N, C-alpha and C. Protein backbone atom coordinates (compact mmCIF):
# COMPACT_ATOMS: atom_id res chain seq x y z
N MET A 1 -1.30 -6.19 5.44
CA MET A 1 -1.86 -4.64 5.48
C MET A 1 -3.14 -4.34 4.94
N LYS A 2 -3.85 -2.94 5.16
CA LYS A 2 -4.62 -2.58 4.74
C LYS A 2 -4.88 -1.50 4.02
N ILE A 3 -5.56 -0.84 3.11
CA ILE A 3 -5.26 0.75 2.84
C ILE A 3 -6.88 1.05 2.93
N ASP A 4 -6.81 2.48 3.67
CA ASP A 4 -7.74 2.99 3.57
C ASP A 4 -8.33 3.88 2.30
N GLU A 5 -9.12 3.33 1.36
CA GLU A 5 -9.00 3.64 -0.16
C GLU A 5 -10.06 4.94 -0.40
N SER A 6 -10.64 4.97 0.99
CA SER A 6 -11.07 6.20 0.56
C SER A 6 -10.80 7.70 0.84
N ASN A 7 -9.56 7.47 1.20
CA ASN A 7 -8.57 8.83 1.87
C ASN A 7 -7.25 8.24 1.29
N CYS A 8 -6.96 7.58 0.27
CA CYS A 8 -5.72 7.31 -0.56
C CYS A 8 -5.68 8.20 -1.62
N GLY A 9 -4.64 8.67 -1.61
CA GLY A 9 -4.42 9.97 -2.66
C GLY A 9 -4.32 8.90 -3.83
N LYS A 10 -3.66 8.17 -4.01
CA LYS A 10 -3.41 6.99 -5.71
C LYS A 10 -1.69 7.08 -5.75
N CYS A 11 -1.12 8.12 -4.86
CA CYS A 11 0.04 8.12 -5.55
C CYS A 11 1.29 7.15 -6.01
N GLY A 12 1.44 5.84 -5.37
CA GLY A 12 1.99 5.14 -5.69
C GLY A 12 3.35 4.57 -5.14
N ILE A 13 3.54 5.92 -4.01
CA ILE A 13 4.66 5.61 -3.51
C ILE A 13 5.00 4.30 -2.53
N CYS A 14 3.58 4.03 -1.97
CA CYS A 14 3.90 2.49 -1.25
C CYS A 14 4.24 1.28 -2.57
N THR A 15 3.61 1.21 -3.47
CA THR A 15 4.38 0.42 -4.79
C THR A 15 5.68 0.24 -4.92
N ASP A 16 6.18 1.63 -5.09
CA ASP A 16 7.80 1.19 -4.84
C ASP A 16 8.46 0.63 -3.52
N ALA A 17 7.78 0.79 -2.52
CA ALA A 17 8.40 0.57 -0.96
C ALA A 17 8.32 -0.88 -0.78
N CYS A 18 7.38 -1.45 -1.37
CA CYS A 18 7.29 -3.29 -1.28
C CYS A 18 8.45 -3.81 -1.55
N PRO A 19 8.92 -4.49 -0.87
CA PRO A 19 10.15 -5.44 -1.36
C PRO A 19 9.79 -6.52 -1.94
N LEU A 20 8.39 -6.95 -2.12
CA LEU A 20 8.01 -8.30 -2.64
C LEU A 20 7.19 -7.79 -3.72
N GLY A 21 7.13 -6.63 -4.07
CA GLY A 21 6.22 -6.40 -5.20
C GLY A 21 4.94 -6.75 -5.41
N LEU A 22 4.50 -6.19 -3.97
CA LEU A 22 2.47 -7.09 -4.09
C LEU A 22 2.00 -6.10 -3.77
N ILE A 23 2.37 -4.69 -3.75
CA ILE A 23 1.28 -3.73 -3.75
C ILE A 23 1.48 -3.05 -5.17
N GLU A 24 0.22 -3.20 -6.23
CA GLU A 24 -0.11 -2.41 -7.59
C GLU A 24 -1.33 -1.40 -7.35
N LYS A 25 -0.88 -0.69 -8.29
CA LYS A 25 -1.77 0.11 -8.79
C LYS A 25 -2.64 -0.47 -9.97
N GLN A 26 -3.95 -0.52 -9.80
CA GLN A 26 -4.72 -0.90 -11.00
C GLN A 26 -5.46 0.16 -10.69
N GLY A 27 -5.67 0.88 -11.75
CA GLY A 27 -6.77 1.67 -12.43
C GLY A 27 -6.90 2.62 -11.36
N PHE A 28 -7.75 2.81 -10.78
CA PHE A 28 -7.89 4.14 -9.50
C PHE A 28 -7.62 3.46 -8.07
N LYS A 29 -7.18 2.71 -8.20
CA LYS A 29 -7.44 1.92 -6.83
C LYS A 29 -5.65 1.16 -6.97
N ILE A 30 -5.41 1.51 -5.23
CA ILE A 30 -3.93 0.58 -5.01
C ILE A 30 -4.19 -0.73 -4.02
N ILE A 31 -3.46 -1.89 -4.64
CA ILE A 31 -4.22 -3.20 -4.32
C ILE A 31 -3.36 -3.81 -3.45
N ILE A 32 -3.30 -4.50 -2.60
CA ILE A 32 -2.14 -4.75 -1.79
C ILE A 32 -2.39 -6.59 -2.00
N LYS A 33 -1.85 -7.20 -2.70
CA LYS A 33 -1.82 -8.59 -3.38
C LYS A 33 -1.51 -9.97 -2.29
N GLU A 34 -2.17 -10.91 -2.14
CA GLU A 34 -2.04 -12.05 -1.25
C GLU A 34 -0.51 -12.16 -1.01
N GLY A 35 0.06 -12.59 0.03
CA GLY A 35 1.34 -13.14 0.33
C GLY A 35 1.95 -11.42 0.93
N CYS A 36 1.60 -10.64 1.29
CA CYS A 36 2.06 -9.76 1.86
C CYS A 36 2.15 -10.20 3.55
N ASN A 37 3.59 -9.82 3.98
CA ASN A 37 4.02 -10.61 5.13
C ASN A 37 3.96 -9.42 6.51
N ASN A 38 3.20 -8.00 6.15
CA ASN A 38 3.49 -7.37 7.06
C ASN A 38 4.37 -6.73 7.54
N CYS A 39 5.66 -6.09 6.57
CA CYS A 39 6.73 -6.05 7.20
C CYS A 39 6.71 -4.47 7.32
N GLY A 40 5.41 -3.71 6.98
CA GLY A 40 5.45 -2.53 7.35
C GLY A 40 6.15 -1.32 6.65
N MET A 41 7.04 -1.54 5.45
CA MET A 41 7.64 -1.06 4.47
C MET A 41 7.13 0.13 3.65
N CYS A 42 5.63 -0.25 3.06
CA CYS A 42 4.31 0.81 2.98
C CYS A 42 3.74 1.46 3.68
N LEU A 43 3.79 1.19 4.83
CA LEU A 43 3.20 1.73 6.09
C LEU A 43 4.06 2.71 6.51
N GLU A 44 5.58 2.66 6.44
CA GLU A 44 6.08 3.69 6.88
C GLU A 44 6.52 5.13 5.64
N VAL A 45 6.12 4.68 4.49
CA VAL A 45 6.60 5.56 3.35
C VAL A 45 5.20 6.64 2.83
N CYS A 46 3.55 6.02 3.59
CA CYS A 46 2.67 6.42 2.89
C CYS A 46 2.69 7.65 3.71
N PRO A 47 2.63 8.95 2.82
CA PRO A 47 2.32 10.47 3.19
C PRO A 47 1.04 10.66 3.72
N MET A 48 -0.17 10.08 3.22
CA MET A 48 -1.33 10.33 3.54
C MET A 48 -1.34 9.41 4.95
N ASP A 49 -0.79 8.49 5.47
CA ASP A 49 -0.95 7.79 6.28
C ASP A 49 -2.55 6.76 6.64
N VAL A 50 -2.64 6.27 5.34
CA VAL A 50 -3.74 5.46 4.99
C VAL A 50 -3.76 3.83 5.03
N ILE A 51 -2.09 3.44 5.39
CA ILE A 51 -1.93 2.16 5.51
C ILE A 51 -1.93 1.48 6.88
N TYR A 52 -2.57 0.64 6.81
CA TYR A 52 -2.93 -0.07 8.50
C TYR A 52 -2.61 -1.26 8.55
N GLU A 53 -2.04 -1.75 9.43
CA GLU A 53 -2.25 -3.13 9.63
C GLU A 53 -3.54 -4.20 10.49
N GLU A 54 -3.43 -4.97 9.31
CA GLU A 54 -4.87 -5.94 9.62
C GLU A 54 -5.52 -6.31 11.22
């Protein structure tokens, strides 16, 4: 999964949705860490529709 950082609102909803805990808010960025299995949970909850499959 990837995040369109230019349009991301940095709300952090995706960080709570990740069942593996691999999405973190780091300063002014949301980071999807290595190990993501593309389950799509973050994509489903993103209110800005800025998360997409690679």
